[in-house]
Amino acid sequence: MLTVYAYQGCDTCRKALKWLKEQGISHEVRAIRETPPSVAELKTAAKAFGGELRPLFNTAGGDYRELGLKDKLPTMSEAEAVALLSKNGNLVKRPFVIGGGVVLAGFKEEEWRQTLA
């Protein structure tokens, strides 16, 4: 089953959840701020993105800017970046989907259609 980490106040998350419902795709929703993805899930995601960590980060978010991650991220180890993401759900690009061999960060309908439908 898919786990969808989402934020209730996020319009993109609402669109993604509506799309999943319309497609009849079973999923479990977790509040990303209160329950960020685990270290294991984030490591799986990093591997799915070819070792790239940037796609996992909400680069448009205030926490990302406040922490100066634009400059820090390129020099961070995977372990440091994953630990940071696992402790602060605001830093994770949302919606974040994982499960059944699927990893998606952000909602792009065509990408989701090709991956999930």
PDB file of N, CA and C in Angstrom:
ATOM      1  N   MET A   1       0.846  -1.185   0.000  1.00  0.00           N
ATOM      2  CA  MET A   1       0.000   0.000   0.000  1.00  0.00           C
ATOM      3  C   MET A   1       0.890   1.247   0.000  1.00  0.00           C
ATOM      4  N   LEU A   2       0.401   2.273  -0.658  1.00  0.00           N
ATOM      5  CA  LEU A   2       1.111   3.547  -0.706  1.00  0.00           C
ATOM      6  C   LEU A   2       0.888   4.335   0.581  1.00  0.00           C
ATOM      7  N   THR A   3       1.944   4.984   1.030  1.00  0.00           N
ATOM      8  CA  THR A   3       1.842   5.935   2.118  1.00  0.00           C
ATOM      9  C   THR A   3       2.059   7.313   1.513  1.00  0.00           C
ATOM     10  N   VAL A   4       1.114   8.206   1.755  1.00  0.00           N
ATOM     11  CA  VAL A   4       1.198   9.564   1.230  1.00  0.00           C
ATOM     12  C   VAL A   4       1.391  10.505   2.411  1.00  0.00           C
ATOM     13  N   TYR A   5       2.552  11.141   2.433  1.00  0.00           N
ATOM     14  CA  TYR A   5       2.822  12.159   3.449  1.00  0.00           C
ATOM     15  C   TYR A   5       2.355  13.482   2.868  1.00  0.00           C
ATOM     16  N   ALA A   6       1.432  14.115   3.563  1.00  0.00           N
ATOM     17  CA  ALA A   6       0.821  15.334   3.037  1.00  0.00           C
ATOM     18  C   ALA A   6       0.594  16.334   4.164  1.00  0.00           C
ATOM     19  N   TYR A   7       0.387  17.571   3.765  1.00  0.00           N
ATOM     20  CA  TYR A   7       0.073  18.645   4.703  1.00  0.00           C
ATOM     21  C   TYR A   7      -1.320  19.151   4.362  1.00  0.00           C
ATOM     22  N   GLN A   8      -2.193  19.182   5.352  1.00  0.00           N
ATOM     23  CA  GLN A   8      -3.591  19.541   5.142  1.00  0.00           C
ATOM     24  C   GLN A   8      -3.754  20.919   4.490  1.00  0.00           C
ATOM     25  N   GLY A   9      -2.878  21.858   4.797  1.00  0.00           N
ATOM     26  CA  GLY A   9      -2.981  23.203   4.249  1.00  0.00           C
ATOM     27  C   GLY A   9      -2.340  23.374   2.889  1.00  0.00           C
ATOM     28  N   CYS A  10      -1.894  22.296   2.282  1.00  0.00           N
ATOM     29  CA  CYS A  10      -1.192  22.335   0.993  1.00  0.00           C
ATOM     30  C   CYS A  10      -2.157  22.028  -0.147  1.00  0.00           C
ATOM     31  N   ASP A  11      -2.353  22.987  -1.032  1.00  0.00           N
ATOM     32  CA  ASP A  11      -3.255  22.815  -2.163  1.00  0.00           C
ATOM     33  C   ASP A  11      -2.796  21.675  -3.071  1.00  0.00           C
ATOM     34  N   THR A  12      -1.500  21.567  -3.300  1.00  0.00           N
ATOM     35  CA  THR A  12      -0.968  20.502  -4.153  1.00  0.00           C
ATOM     36  C   THR A  12      -1.243  19.137  -3.543  1.00  0.00           C
ATOM     37  N   CYS A  13      -1.125  19.045  -2.223  1.00  0.00           N
ATOM     38  CA  CYS A  13      -1.427  17.784  -1.540  1.00  0.00           C
ATOM     39  C   CYS A  13      -2.900  17.416  -1.709  1.00  0.00           C
ATOM     40  N   ARG A  14      -3.767  18.400  -1.568  1.00  0.00           N
ATOM     41  CA  ARG A  14      -5.205  18.139  -1.738  1.00  0.00           C
ATOM     42  C   ARG A  14      -5.502  17.663  -3.156  1.00  0.00           C
ATOM     43  N   LYS A  15      -4.878  18.281  -4.145  1.00  0.00           N
ATOM     44  CA  LYS A  15      -5.076  17.853  -5.537  1.00  0.00           C
ATOM     45  C   LYS A  15      -4.602  16.414  -5.735  1.00  0.00           C
ATOM     46  N   ALA A  16      -3.448  16.094  -5.164  1.00  0.00           N
ATOM     47  CA  ALA A  16      -2.892  14.747  -5.303  1.00  0.00           C
ATOM     48  C   ALA A  16      -3.799  13.709  -4.647  1.00  0.00           C
ATOM     49  N   LEU A  17      -4.284  14.012  -3.453  1.00  0.00           N
ATOM     50  CA  LEU A  17      -5.164  13.076  -2.747  1.00  0.00           C
ATOM     51  C   LEU A  17      -6.485  12.896  -3.489  1.00  0.00           C
ATOM     52  N   LYS A  18      -7.002  13.978  -4.060  1.00  0.00           N
ATOM     53  CA  LYS A  18      -8.226  13.892  -4.856  1.00  0.00           C
ATOM     54  C   LYS A  18      -7.980  13.001  -6.081  1.00  0.00           C
ATOM     55  N   TRP A  19      -6.826  13.180  -6.724  1.00  0.00           N
ATOM     56  CA  TRP A  19      -6.482  12.391  -7.900  1.00  0.00           C
ATOM     57  C   TRP A  19      -6.402  10.906  -7.537  1.00  0.00           C
ATOM     58  N   LEU A  20      -5.742  10.593  -6.428  1.00  0.00           N
ATOM     59  CA  LEU A  20      -5.638   9.196  -5.995  1.00  0.00           C
ATOM     60  C   LEU A  20      -7.023   8.589  -5.768  1.00  0.00           C
ATOM     61  N   LYS A  21      -7.895   9.353  -5.132  1.00  0.00           N
ATOM     62  CA  LYS A  21      -9.254   8.877  -4.868  1.00  0.00           C
ATOM     63  C   LYS A  21      -9.992   8.630  -6.184  1.00  0.00           C
ATOM     64  N   GLU A  22      -9.884   9.578  -7.122  1.00  0.00           N
ATOM     65  CA  GLU A  22     -10.553   9.439  -8.420  1.00  0.00           C
ATOM     66  C   GLU A  22     -10.055   8.224  -9.191  1.00  0.00           C
ATOM     67  N   GLN A  23      -8.777   7.880  -9.012  1.00  0.00           N
ATOM     68  CA  GLN A  23      -8.189   6.736  -9.713  1.00  0.00           C
ATOM     69  C   GLN A  23      -8.451   5.425  -8.981  1.00  0.00           C
ATOM     70  N   GLY A  24      -9.003   5.518  -7.780  1.00  0.00           N
ATOM     71  CA  GLY A  24      -9.272   4.318  -6.992  1.00  0.00           C
ATOM     72  C   GLY A  24      -8.006   3.647  -6.467  1.00  0.00           C
ATOM     73  N   ILE A  25      -6.980   4.437  -6.219  1.00  0.00           N
ATOM     74  CA  ILE A  25      -5.703   3.900  -5.741  1.00  0.00           C
ATOM     75  C   ILE A  25      -5.674   3.941  -4.212  1.00  0.00           C
ATOM     76  N   SER A  26      -5.537   2.772  -3.617  1.00  0.00           N
ATOM     77  CA  SER A  26      -5.506   2.667  -2.152  1.00  0.00           C
ATOM     78  C   SER A  26      -4.260   3.357  -1.611  1.00  0.00           C
ATOM     79  N   HIS A  27      -4.456   4.063  -0.516  1.00  0.00           N
ATOM     80  CA  HIS A  27      -3.335   4.764   0.112  1.00  0.00           C
ATOM     81  C   HIS A  27      -3.666   5.112   1.553  1.00  0.00           C
ATOM     82  N   GLU A  28      -2.631   5.331   2.302  1.00  0.00           N
ATOM     83  CA  GLU A  28      -2.747   5.777   3.684  1.00  0.00           C
ATOM     84  C   GLU A  28      -2.136   7.171   3.733  1.00  0.00           C
ATOM     85  N   VAL A  29      -2.799   8.096   4.412  1.00  0.00           N
ATOM     86  CA  VAL A  29      -2.297   9.469   4.508  1.00  0.00           C
ATOM     87  C   VAL A  29      -1.698   9.680   5.896  1.00  0.00           C
ATOM     88  N   ARG A  30      -0.525  10.284   5.905  1.00  0.00           N
ATOM     89  CA  ARG A  30       0.121  10.674   7.164  1.00  0.00           C
ATOM     90  C   ARG A  30       0.419  12.166   7.120  1.00  0.00           C
ATOM     91  N   ALA A  31       0.249  12.801   8.253  1.00  0.00           N
ATOM     92  CA  ALA A  31       0.534  14.233   8.365  1.00  0.00           C
ATOM     93  C   ALA A  31       2.047  14.423   8.375  1.00  0.00           C
ATOM     94  N   ILE A  32       2.564  15.064   7.332  1.00  0.00           N
ATOM     95  CA  ILE A  32       4.006  15.159   7.139  1.00  0.00           C
ATOM     96  C   ILE A  32       4.703  15.987   8.217  1.00  0.00           C
ATOM     97  N   ARG A  33       4.030  16.993   8.740  1.00  0.00           N
ATOM     98  CA  ARG A  33       4.646  17.818   9.779  1.00  0.00           C
ATOM     99  C   ARG A  33       4.765  17.061  11.100  1.00  0.00           C
ATOM    100  N   GLU A  34       3.720  16.350  11.451  1.00  0.00           N
ATOM    101  CA  GLU A  34       3.694  15.629  12.716  1.00  0.00           C
ATOM    102  C   GLU A  34       4.422  14.289  12.651  1.00  0.00           C
ATOM    103  N   THR A  35       4.403  13.667  11.484  1.00  0.00           N
ATOM    104  CA  THR A  35       5.013  12.347  11.300  1.00  0.00           C
ATOM    105  C   THR A  35       5.825  12.350  10.006  1.00  0.00           C
ATOM    106  N   PRO A  36       7.017  12.946  10.016  1.00  0.00           N
ATOM    107  CA  PRO A  36       7.830  12.964   8.789  1.00  0.00           C
ATOM    108  C   PRO A  36       8.223  11.548   8.366  1.00  0.00           C
ATOM    109  N   PRO A  37       8.600  11.387   7.109  1.00  0.00           N
ATOM    110  CA  PRO A  37       9.072  10.075   6.657  1.00  0.00           C
ATOM    111  C   PRO A  37      10.254   9.606   7.517  1.00  0.00           C
ATOM    112  N   SER A  38      10.377   8.303   7.657  1.00  0.00           N
ATOM    113  CA  SER A  38      11.461   7.728   8.458  1.00  0.00           C
ATOM    114  C   SER A  38      12.786   7.805   7.708  1.00  0.00           C
ATOM    115  N   VAL A  39      13.857   7.600   8.445  1.00  0.00           N
ATOM    116  CA  VAL A  39      15.189   7.564   7.843  1.00  0.00           C
ATOM    117  C   VAL A  39      15.237   6.485   6.760  1.00  0.00           C
ATOM    118  N   ALA A  40      14.680   5.313   7.053  1.00  0.00           N
ATOM    119  CA  ALA A  40      14.688   4.219   6.075  1.00  0.00           C
ATOM    120  C   ALA A  40      13.926   4.604   4.811  1.00  0.00           C
ATOM    121  N   GLU A  41      12.761   5.234   4.963  1.00  0.00           N
ATOM    122  CA  GLU A  41      11.980   5.658   3.795  1.00  0.00           C
ATOM    123  C   GLU A  41      12.745   6.702   2.982  1.00  0.00           C
ATOM    124  N   LEU A  42      13.388   7.611   3.660  1.00  0.00           N
ATOM    125  CA  LEU A  42      14.133   8.665   2.967  1.00  0.00           C
ATOM    126  C   LEU A  42      15.357   8.107   2.254  1.00  0.00           C
ATOM    127  N   LYS A  43      16.008   7.124   2.846  1.00  0.00           N
ATOM    128  CA  LYS A  43      17.148   6.481   2.176  1.00  0.00           C
ATOM    129  C   LYS A  43      16.682   5.751   0.923  1.00  0.00           C
ATOM    130  N   THR A  44      15.530   5.091   1.018  1.00  0.00           N
ATOM    131  CA  THR A  44      14.949   4.423  -0.147  1.00  0.00           C
ATOM    132  C   THR A  44      14.648   5.440  -1.237  1.00  0.00           C
ATOM    133  N   ALA A  45      14.094   6.585  -0.832  1.00  0.00           N
ATOM    134  CA  ALA A  45      13.762   7.641  -1.793  1.00  0.00           C
ATOM    135  C   ALA A  45      15.017   8.196  -2.457  1.00  0.00           C
ATOM    136  N   ALA A  46      16.049   8.436  -1.667  1.00  0.00           N
ATOM    137  CA  ALA A  46      17.301   8.958  -2.233  1.00  0.00           C
ATOM    138  C   ALA A  46      17.857   7.985  -3.268  1.00  0.00           C
ATOM    139  N   LYS A  47      17.785   6.706  -2.962  1.00  0.00           N
ATOM    140  CA  LYS A  47      18.255   5.683  -3.900  1.00  0.00           C
ATOM    141  C   LYS A  47      17.417   5.715  -5.181  1.00  0.00           C
ATOM    142  N   ALA A  48      16.095   5.867  -5.033  1.00  0.00           N
ATOM    143  CA  ALA A  48      15.195   5.913  -6.191  1.00  0.00           C
ATOM    144  C   ALA A  48      15.484   7.123  -7.074  1.00  0.00           C
ATOM    145  N   PHE A  49      16.011   8.194  -6.474  1.00  0.00           N
ATOM    146  CA  PHE A  49      16.361   9.393  -7.234  1.00  0.00           C
ATOM    147  C   PHE A  49      17.838   9.390  -7.621  1.00  0.00           C
ATOM    148  N   GLY A  50      18.429   8.206  -7.695  1.00  0.00           N
ATOM    149  CA  GLY A  50      19.809   8.082  -8.139  1.00  0.00           C
ATOM    150  C   GLY A  50      20.812   8.712  -7.182  1.00  0.00           C
ATOM    151  N   GLY A  51      20.480   8.731  -5.910  1.00  0.00           N
ATOM    152  CA  GLY A  51      21.381   9.316  -4.925  1.00  0.00           C
ATOM    153  C   GLY A  51      21.226  10.811  -4.766  1.00  0.00           C
ATOM    154  N   GLU A  52      20.350  11.401  -5.571  1.00  0.00           N
ATOM    155  CA  GLU A  52      20.112  12.847  -5.486  1.00  0.00           C
ATOM    156  C   GLU A  52      19.238  13.156  -4.285  1.00  0.00           C
ATOM    157  N   LEU A  53      19.646  14.109  -3.480  1.00  0.00           N
ATOM    158  CA  LEU A  53      18.882  14.487  -2.302  1.00  0.00           C
ATOM    159  C   LEU A  53      17.979  15.695  -2.547  1.00  0.00           C
ATOM    160  N   ARG A  54      18.376  16.558  -3.453  1.00  0.00           N
ATOM    161  CA  ARG A  54      17.620  17.794  -3.676  1.00  0.00           C
ATOM    162  C   ARG A  54      16.149  17.545  -4.007  1.00  0.00           C
ATOM    163  N   PRO A  55      15.813  16.525  -4.812  1.00  0.00           N
ATOM    164  CA  PRO A  55      14.394  16.304  -5.119  1.00  0.00           C
ATOM    165  C   PRO A  55      13.536  16.001  -3.893  1.00  0.00           C
ATOM    166  N   LEU A  56      14.146  15.631  -2.786  1.00  0.00           N
ATOM    167  CA  LEU A  56      13.404  15.317  -1.572  1.00  0.00           C
ATOM    168  C   LEU A  56      13.099  16.553  -0.737  1.00  0.00           C
ATOM    169  N   PHE A  57      13.759  17.657  -1.040  1.00  0.00           N
ATOM    170  CA  PHE A  57      13.620  18.872  -0.239  1.00  0.00           C
ATOM    171  C   PHE A  57      12.571  19.816  -0.809  1.00  0.00           C
ATOM    172  N   ASN A  58      11.807  20.409   0.086  1.00  0.00           N
ATOM    173  CA  ASN A  58      10.844  21.454  -0.258  1.00  0.00           C
ATOM    174  C   ASN A  58      11.632  22.763  -0.374  1.00  0.00           C
ATOM    175  N   THR A  59      12.212  22.973  -1.540  1.00  0.00           N
ATOM    176  CA  THR A  59      13.105  24.125  -1.735  1.00  0.00           C
ATOM    177  C   THR A  59      12.362  25.455  -1.732  1.00  0.00           C
ATOM    178  N   ALA A  60      11.050  25.422  -1.838  1.00  0.00           N
ATOM    179  CA  ALA A  60      10.263  26.659  -1.819  1.00  0.00           C
ATOM    180  C   ALA A  60       9.805  27.022  -0.407  1.00  0.00           C
ATOM    181  N   GLY A  61      10.092  26.166   0.551  1.00  0.00           N
ATOM    182  CA  GLY A  61       9.612  26.386   1.908  1.00  0.00           C
ATOM    183  C   GLY A  61      10.452  27.348   2.724  1.00  0.00           C
ATOM    184  N   GLY A  62       9.811  27.940   3.702  1.00  0.00           N
ATOM    185  CA  GLY A  62      10.478  28.892   4.582  1.00  0.00           C
ATOM    186  C   GLY A  62      11.592  28.265   5.404  1.00  0.00           C
ATOM    187  N   ASP A  63      11.377  27.040   5.893  1.00  0.00           N
ATOM    188  CA  ASP A  63      12.408  26.379   6.690  1.00  0.00           C
ATOM    189  C   ASP A  63      13.667  26.149   5.864  1.00  0.00           C
ATOM    190  N   TYR A  64      13.505  25.784   4.612  1.00  0.00           N
ATOM    191  CA  TYR A  64      14.640  25.554   3.714  1.00  0.00           C
ATOM    192  C   TYR A  64      15.469  26.833   3.592  1.00  0.00           C
ATOM    193  N   ARG A  65      14.786  27.954   3.399  1.00  0.00           N
ATOM    194  CA  ARG A  65      15.486  29.240   3.275  1.00  0.00           C
ATOM    195  C   ARG A  65      16.119  29.668   4.595  1.00  0.00           C
ATOM    196  N   GLU A  66      15.347  29.548   5.676  1.00  0.00           N
ATOM    197  CA  GLU A  66      15.844  29.972   6.986  1.00  0.00           C
ATOM    198  C   GLU A  66      17.097  29.216   7.411  1.00  0.00           C
ATOM    199  N   LEU A  67      17.169  27.948   7.060  1.00  0.00           N
ATOM    200  CA  LEU A  67      18.331  27.138   7.421  1.00  0.00           C
ATOM    201  C   LEU A  67      19.488  27.286   6.433  1.00  0.00           C
ATOM    202  N   GLY A  68      19.279  28.078   5.376  1.00  0.00           N
ATOM    203  CA  GLY A  68      20.333  28.295   4.386  1.00  0.00           C
ATOM    204  C   GLY A  68      20.736  27.024   3.660  1.00  0.00           C
ATOM    205  N   LEU A  69      19.766  26.153   3.414  1.00  0.00           N
ATOM    206  CA  LEU A  69      20.079  24.852   2.824  1.00  0.00           C
ATOM    207  C   LEU A  69      20.496  24.931   1.359  1.00  0.00           C
ATOM    208  N   LYS A  70      20.174  26.007   0.687  1.00  0.00           N
ATOM    209  CA  LYS A  70      20.608  26.148  -0.706  1.00  0.00           C
ATOM    210  C   LYS A  70      22.129  26.033  -0.790  1.00  0.00           C
ATOM    211  N   ASP A  71      22.801  26.636   0.176  1.00  0.00           N
ATOM    212  CA  ASP A  71      24.263  26.611   0.193  1.00  0.00           C
ATOM    213  C   ASP A  71      24.818  25.406   0.949  1.00  0.00           C
ATOM    214  N   LYS A  72      24.091  24.927   1.956  1.00  0.00           N
ATOM    215  CA  LYS A  72      24.584  23.830   2.797  1.00  0.00           C
ATOM    216  C   LYS A  72      24.365  22.453   2.178  1.00  0.00           C
ATOM    217  N   LEU A  73      23.246  22.286   1.465  1.00  0.00           N
ATOM    218  CA  LEU A  73      22.887  20.965   0.955  1.00  0.00           C
ATOM    219  C   LEU A  73      23.966  20.320   0.078  1.00  0.00           C
ATOM    220  N   PRO A  74      24.605  21.079  -0.823  1.00  0.00           N
ATOM    221  CA  PRO A  74      25.615  20.435  -1.672  1.00  0.00           C
ATOM    222  C   PRO A  74      26.786  19.824  -0.903  1.00  0.00           C
ATOM    223  N   THR A  75      27.031  20.296   0.306  1.00  0.00           N
ATOM    224  CA  THR A  75      28.169  19.775   1.074  1.00  0.00           C
ATOM    225  C   THR A  75      27.748  18.791   2.169  1.00  0.00           C
ATOM    226  N   MET A  76      26.451  18.576   2.314  1.00  0.00           N
ATOM    227  CA  MET A  76      25.959  17.655   3.339  1.00  0.00           C
ATOM    228  C   MET A  76      26.098  16.206   2.880  1.00  0.00           C
ATOM    229  N   SER A  77      26.377  15.335   3.835  1.00  0.00           N
ATOM    230  CA  SER A  77      26.386  13.906   3.524  1.00  0.00           C
ATOM    231  C   SER A  77      24.934  13.443   3.418  1.00  0.00           C
ATOM    232  N   GLU A  78      24.738  12.273   2.808  1.00  0.00           N
ATOM    233  CA  GLU A  78      23.384  11.725   2.724  1.00  0.00           C
ATOM    234  C   GLU A  78      22.826  11.512   4.125  1.00  0.00           C
ATOM    235  N   ALA A  79      23.646  11.021   5.034  1.00  0.00           N
ATOM    236  CA  ALA A  79      23.188  10.757   6.400  1.00  0.00           C
ATOM    237  C   ALA A  79      22.724  12.042   7.082  1.00  0.00           C
ATOM    238  N   GLU A  80      23.455  13.129   6.901  1.00  0.00           N
ATOM    239  CA  GLU A  80      23.075  14.413   7.501  1.00  0.00           C
ATOM    240  C   GLU A  80      21.765  14.920   6.917  1.00  0.00           C
ATOM    241  N   ALA A  81      21.647  14.854   5.595  1.00  0.00           N
ATOM    242  CA  ALA A  81      20.442  15.346   4.922  1.00  0.00           C
ATOM    243  C   ALA A  81      19.221  14.524   5.301  1.00  0.00           C
ATOM    244  N   VAL A  82      19.367  13.223   5.318  1.00  0.00           N
ATOM    245  CA  VAL A  82      18.259  12.335   5.658  1.00  0.00           C
ATOM    246  C   VAL A  82      17.835  12.544   7.112  1.00  0.00           C
ATOM    247  N   ALA A  83      18.799  12.707   8.002  1.00  0.00           N
ATOM    248  CA  ALA A  83      18.479  12.953   9.415  1.00  0.00           C
ATOM    249  C   ALA A  83      17.695  14.254   9.561  1.00  0.00           C
ATOM    250  N   LEU A  84      18.099  15.275   8.831  1.00  0.00           N
ATOM    251  CA  LEU A  84      17.411  16.568   8.876  1.00  0.00           C
ATOM    252  C   LEU A  84      15.972  16.434   8.375  1.00  0.00           C
ATOM    253  N   LEU A  85      15.788  15.762   7.251  1.00  0.00           N
ATOM    254  CA  LEU A  85      14.452  15.564   6.689  1.00  0.00           C
ATOM    255  C   LEU A  85      13.565  14.749   7.622  1.00  0.00           C
ATOM    256  N   SER A  86      14.142  13.736   8.254  1.00  0.00           N
ATOM    257  CA  SER A  86      13.346  12.852   9.110  1.00  0.00           C
ATOM    258  C   SER A  86      12.886  13.540  10.397  1.00  0.00           C
ATOM    259  N   LYS A  87      13.491  14.664  10.715  1.00  0.00           N
ATOM    260  CA  LYS A  87      13.131  15.398  11.933  1.00  0.00           C
ATOM    261  C   LYS A  87      12.277  16.627  11.663  1.00  0.00           C
ATOM    262  N   ASN A  88      12.196  17.040  10.391  1.00  0.00           N
ATOM    263  CA  ASN A  88      11.458  18.253  10.055  1.00  0.00           C
ATOM    264  C   ASN A  88      10.650  18.029   8.780  1.00  0.00           C
ATOM    265  N   GLY A  89       9.389  17.653   8.949  1.00  0.00           N
ATOM    266  CA  GLY A  89       8.523  17.386   7.803  1.00  0.00           C
ATOM    267  C   GLY A  89       8.311  18.581   6.897  1.00  0.00           C
ATOM    268  N   ASN A  90       8.510  19.806   7.422  1.00  0.00           N
ATOM    269  CA  ASN A  90       8.382  21.000   6.574  1.00  0.00           C
ATOM    270  C   ASN A  90       9.440  21.029   5.479  1.00  0.00           C
ATOM    271  N   LEU A  91      10.536  20.334   5.684  1.00  0.00           N
ATOM    272  CA  LEU A  91      11.621  20.333   4.700  1.00  0.00           C
ATOM    273  C   LEU A  91      11.393  19.340   3.567  1.00  0.00           C
ATOM    274  N   VAL A  92      10.467  18.409   3.749  1.00  0.00           N
ATOM    275  CA  VAL A  92      10.232  17.356   2.754  1.00  0.00           C
ATOM    276  C   VAL A  92       9.287  17.859   1.671  1.00  0.00           C
ATOM    277  N   LYS A  93       9.685  17.645   0.424  1.00  0.00           N
ATOM    278  CA  LYS A  93       8.816  18.017  -0.695  1.00  0.00           C
ATOM    279  C   LYS A  93       7.543  17.194  -0.601  1.00  0.00           C
ATOM    280  N   ARG A  94       6.441  17.880  -0.760  1.00  0.00           N
ATOM    281  CA  ARG A  94       5.158  17.202  -0.587  1.00  0.00           C
ATOM    282  C   ARG A  94       4.256  17.390  -1.797  1.00  0.00           C
ATOM    283  N   PRO A  95       3.349  16.473  -1.949  1.00  0.00           N
ATOM    284  CA  PRO A  95       3.201  15.240  -1.197  1.00  0.00           C
ATOM    285  C   PRO A  95       4.368  14.293  -1.473  1.00  0.00           C
ATOM    286  N   PHE A  96       4.704  13.508  -0.483  1.00  0.00           N
ATOM    287  CA  PHE A  96       5.765  12.523  -0.577  1.00  0.00           C
ATOM    288  C   PHE A  96       5.092  11.156  -0.510  1.00  0.00           C
ATOM    289  N   VAL A  97       5.324  10.340  -1.532  1.00  0.00           N
ATOM    290  CA  VAL A  97       4.649   9.045  -1.650  1.00  0.00           C
ATOM    291  C   VAL A  97       5.689   7.934  -1.678  1.00  0.00           C
ATOM    292  N   ILE A  98       5.436   6.903  -0.884  1.00  0.00           N
ATOM    293  CA  ILE A  98       6.349   5.758  -0.881  1.00  0.00           C
ATOM    294  C   ILE A  98       5.551   4.488  -0.599  1.00  0.00           C
ATOM    295  N   GLY A  99       5.988   3.411  -1.216  1.00  0.00           N
ATOM    296  CA  GLY A  99       5.353   2.110  -0.972  1.00  0.00           C
ATOM    297  C   GLY A  99       5.230   1.300  -2.244  1.00  0.00           C
ATOM    298  N   GLY A 100       5.325   0.004  -2.119  1.00  0.00           N
ATOM    299  CA  GLY A 100       5.168  -0.876  -3.272  1.00  0.00           C
ATOM    300  C   GLY A 100       6.151  -0.607  -4.392  1.00  0.00           C
ATOM    301  N   GLY A 101       7.380  -0.206  -4.029  1.00  0.00           N
ATOM    302  CA  GLY A 101       8.393   0.083  -5.034  1.00  0.00           C
ATOM    303  C   GLY A 101       8.245   1.445  -5.698  1.00  0.00           C
ATOM    304  N   VAL A 102       7.340   2.271  -5.189  1.00  0.00           N
ATOM    305  CA  VAL A 102       7.081   3.598  -5.756  1.00  0.00           C
ATOM    306  C   VAL A 102       7.619   4.674  -4.824  1.00  0.00           C
ATOM    307  N   VAL A 103       8.276   5.677  -5.423  1.00  0.00           N
ATOM    308  CA  VAL A 103       8.678   6.868  -4.685  1.00  0.00           C
ATOM    309  C   VAL A 103       8.354   8.073  -5.560  1.00  0.00           C
ATOM    310  N   LEU A 104       7.565   8.996  -5.001  1.00  0.00           N
ATOM    311  CA  LEU A 104       7.223  10.235  -5.707  1.00  0.00           C
ATOM    312  C   LEU A 104       7.355  11.397  -4.731  1.00  0.00           C
ATOM    313  N   ALA A 105       7.883  12.505  -5.220  1.00  0.00           N
ATOM    314  CA  ALA A 105       7.986  13.721  -4.403  1.00  0.00           C
ATOM    315  C   ALA A 105       7.406  14.865  -5.214  1.00  0.00           C
ATOM    316  N   GLY A 106       6.352  15.475  -4.674  1.00  0.00           N
ATOM    317  CA  GLY A 106       5.643  16.507  -5.424  1.00  0.00           C
ATOM    318  C   GLY A 106       4.576  15.850  -6.287  1.00  0.00           C
ATOM    319  N   PHE A 107       3.642  16.666  -6.750  1.00  0.00           N
ATOM    320  CA  PHE A 107       2.557  16.122  -7.573  1.00  0.00           C
ATOM    321  C   PHE A 107       2.634  16.679  -8.984  1.00  0.00           C
ATOM    322  N   LYS A 108       2.969  15.783  -9.901  1.00  0.00           N
ATOM    323  CA  LYS A 108       2.904  16.067 -11.334  1.00  0.00           C
ATOM    324  C   LYS A 108       2.004  14.980 -11.894  1.00  0.00           C
ATOM    325  N   GLU A 109       0.792  15.381 -12.288  1.00  0.00           N
ATOM    326  CA  GLU A 109      -0.230  14.401 -12.643  1.00  0.00           C
ATOM    327  C   GLU A 109       0.254  13.390 -13.675  1.00  0.00           C
ATOM    328  N   GLU A 110       0.930  13.844 -14.707  1.00  0.00           N
ATOM    329  CA  GLU A 110       1.369  12.916 -15.746  1.00  0.00           C
ATOM    330  C   GLU A 110       2.365  11.894 -15.193  1.00  0.00           C
ATOM    331  N   GLU A 111       3.288  12.339 -14.360  1.00  0.00           N
ATOM    332  CA  GLU A 111       4.254  11.428 -13.740  1.00  0.00           C
ATOM    333  C   GLU A 111       3.528  10.406 -12.859  1.00  0.00           C
ATOM    334  N   TRP A 112       2.569  10.883 -12.088  1.00  0.00           N
ATOM    335  CA  TRP A 112       1.796   9.986 -11.220  1.00  0.00           C
ATOM    336  C   TRP A 112       0.997   8.990 -12.050  1.00  0.00           C
ATOM    337  N   ARG A 113       0.408   9.469 -13.148  1.00  0.00           N
ATOM    338  CA  ARG A 113      -0.388   8.583 -14.017  1.00  0.00           C
ATOM    339  C   ARG A 113       0.498   7.468 -14.571  1.00  0.00           C
ATOM    340  N   GLN A 114       1.682   7.839 -15.051  1.00  0.00           N
ATOM    341  CA  GLN A 114       2.585   6.843 -15.619  1.00  0.00           C
ATOM    342  C   GLN A 114       3.093   5.863 -14.564  1.00  0.00           C
ATOM    343  N   THR A 115       3.292   6.347 -13.353  1.00  0.00           N
ATOM    344  CA  THR A 115       3.850   5.519 -12.296  1.00  0.00           C
ATOM    345  C   THR A 115       2.802   4.653 -11.605  1.00  0.00           C
ATOM    346  N   LEU A 116       1.604   5.211 -11.404  1.00  0.00           N
ATOM    347  CA  LEU A 116       0.610   4.549 -10.559  1.00  0.00           C
ATOM    348  C   LEU A 116      -0.571   3.938 -11.296  1.00  0.00           C
ATOM    349  N   ALA A 117      -0.925   4.462 -12.434  1.00  0.00           N
ATOM    350  CA  ALA A 117      -2.145   4.003 -13.103  1.00  0.00           C
ATOM    351  C   ALA A 117      -1.889   2.826 -14.021  1.00  0.00           C
TER     352      ALA A 117
END
